Amino acid sequence: MCEIGAGNQSAFNRAVFMMNCLHYVQSVLVYPFTRNKADDIEKQIQEYVDIVVDEQHAVLLKQSGIAPIIHAMETKDEQARNMKTAHVYYRTDVEQ
């Protein structure tokens, strides 16, 4: 049911919708015999929390201008190896 309501939303909006929907479902599972299902739903909610955190983190990095810097730092060794003059900038015979 929750998946139908989430539709074709962005990853962030879908995750928020699913967290809210699953939390509502979980809130009525207060009886001892529903504990296993409530625990399963809690795991699903946590997966959506992780998606929201990752998506928001990416947005903040992009908006702050830090994303290209991080990308450059993460790919610097790969870029150095691919340069025609890599032997000057990146020596493989020396420990780093």
Protein backbone atom coordinates (compact mmCIF):
# COMPACT_ATOMS: atom_id res chain seq x y z
CA MET A 1 0.00 0.00 0.00
CA CYS A 2 2.75 2.46 0.93
CA GLU A 3 4.65 1.69 -2.28
CA ILE A 4 1.63 2.63 -4.39
CA GLY A 5 1.37 6.00 -2.68
CA ALA A 6 5.07 6.70 -3.16
CA GLY A 7 4.66 6.43 -6.92
CA ASN A 8 7.29 7.95 -9.17
CA GLN A 9 8.75 10.34 -6.61
CA SER A 10 12.41 11.28 -6.33
CA ALA A 11 14.47 9.01 -4.08
CA PHE A 12 14.33 11.57 -1.26
CA ASN A 13 10.57 12.19 -1.47
CA ARG A 14 9.84 8.48 -1.82
CA ALA A 15 11.94 7.68 1.26
CA VAL A 16 10.22 10.37 3.35
CA PHE A 17 6.79 9.19 2.23
CA MET A 18 7.66 5.56 2.98
CA MET A 19 9.05 6.42 6.42
CA ASN A 20 5.87 8.29 7.32
CA CYS A 21 3.60 5.58 5.96
CA LEU A 22 5.50 2.74 7.63
CA HIS A 23 5.66 4.63 10.91
CA TYR A 24 1.89 5.03 10.83
CA VAL A 25 1.44 1.29 10.18
CA GLN A 26 3.93 0.47 12.92
CA SER A 27 2.12 2.70 15.43
CA VAL A 28 -0.92 0.42 15.46
CA LEU A 29 1.12 -2.74 16.01
CA VAL A 30 1.12 -2.48 19.80
CA TYR A 31 0.17 -6.04 20.71
CA PRO A 32 2.69 -8.72 21.71
CA PHE A 33 1.71 -10.96 18.79
CA THR A 34 2.56 -8.15 16.32
CA ARG A 35 6.06 -7.52 17.71
CA ASN A 36 7.86 -9.40 14.91
CA LYS A 37 6.06 -7.43 12.22
CA ALA A 38 6.74 -4.16 14.04
CA ASP A 39 10.44 -5.07 14.18
CA ASP A 40 10.44 -5.83 10.44
CA ILE A 41 8.85 -2.47 9.74
CA GLU A 42 11.45 -0.75 11.95
CA LYS A 43 14.20 -2.26 9.78
CA GLN A 44 12.47 -0.96 6.65
CA ILE A 45 12.12 2.49 8.20
CA GLN A 46 15.84 2.51 9.01
CA GLU A 47 16.67 1.70 5.38
CA TYR A 48 14.64 4.73 4.29
CA VAL A 49 16.30 6.88 6.95
CA ASP A 50 19.65 5.90 5.44
CA ILE A 51 18.42 6.94 1.98
CA VAL A 52 17.25 10.32 3.29
CA VAL A 53 20.59 10.91 5.01
CA ASP A 54 22.56 9.97 1.87
CA GLU A 55 20.38 12.11 -0.39
CA GLN A 56 20.52 15.11 1.93
CA HIS A 57 24.28 14.71 2.32
CA ALA A 58 24.71 14.79 -1.47
CA VAL A 59 22.53 17.90 -1.75
CA LEU A 60 24.46 19.72 0.97
CA LEU A 61 27.80 18.87 -0.63
CA LYS A 62 26.56 20.14 -3.98
CA GLN A 63 25.01 23.34 -2.60
CA SER A 64 28.10 24.17 -0.56
CA GLY A 65 30.41 23.67 -3.53
CA ILE A 66 32.33 20.93 -1.77
CA ALA A 67 31.19 18.09 -4.07
CA PRO A 68 33.66 18.86 -6.91
CA ILE A 69 36.51 19.15 -4.42
CA ILE A 70 35.70 15.77 -2.90
CA HIS A 71 35.38 14.24 -6.37
CA ALA A 72 38.78 15.65 -7.34
CA MET A 73 40.35 14.27 -4.18
CA GLU A 74 38.78 10.84 -4.67
CA THR A 75 39.95 10.57 -8.28
CA LYS A 76 43.34 12.29 -8.06
CA ASP A 77 45.39 9.08 -7.97
CA GLU A 78 43.45 7.63 -10.91
CA GLN A 79 43.91 10.83 -12.92
CA ALA A 80 47.63 10.91 -12.14
CA ARG A 81 48.09 7.35 -13.37
CA ASN A 82 46.33 8.17 -16.63
CA MET A 83 48.48 11.19 -17.46
CA LYS A 84 51.11 10.81 -20.20
CA THR A 85 53.65 12.23 -17.78
CA ALA A 86 52.47 10.07 -14.91
CA HIS A 87 55.99 8.83 -14.31
CA VAL A 88 56.91 12.35 -13.21
CA TYR A 89 53.92 12.89 -10.92
CA TYR A 90 53.13 9.40 -9.73
CA ARG A 91 55.98 7.03 -9.07
CA THR A 92 54.91 3.46 -8.48
CA ASP A 93 58.30 2.43 -7.15
CA VAL A 94 58.02 4.63 -4.05
CA GLU A 95 55.79 3.94 -1.06
CA GLN A 96 53.24 6.64 -0.36
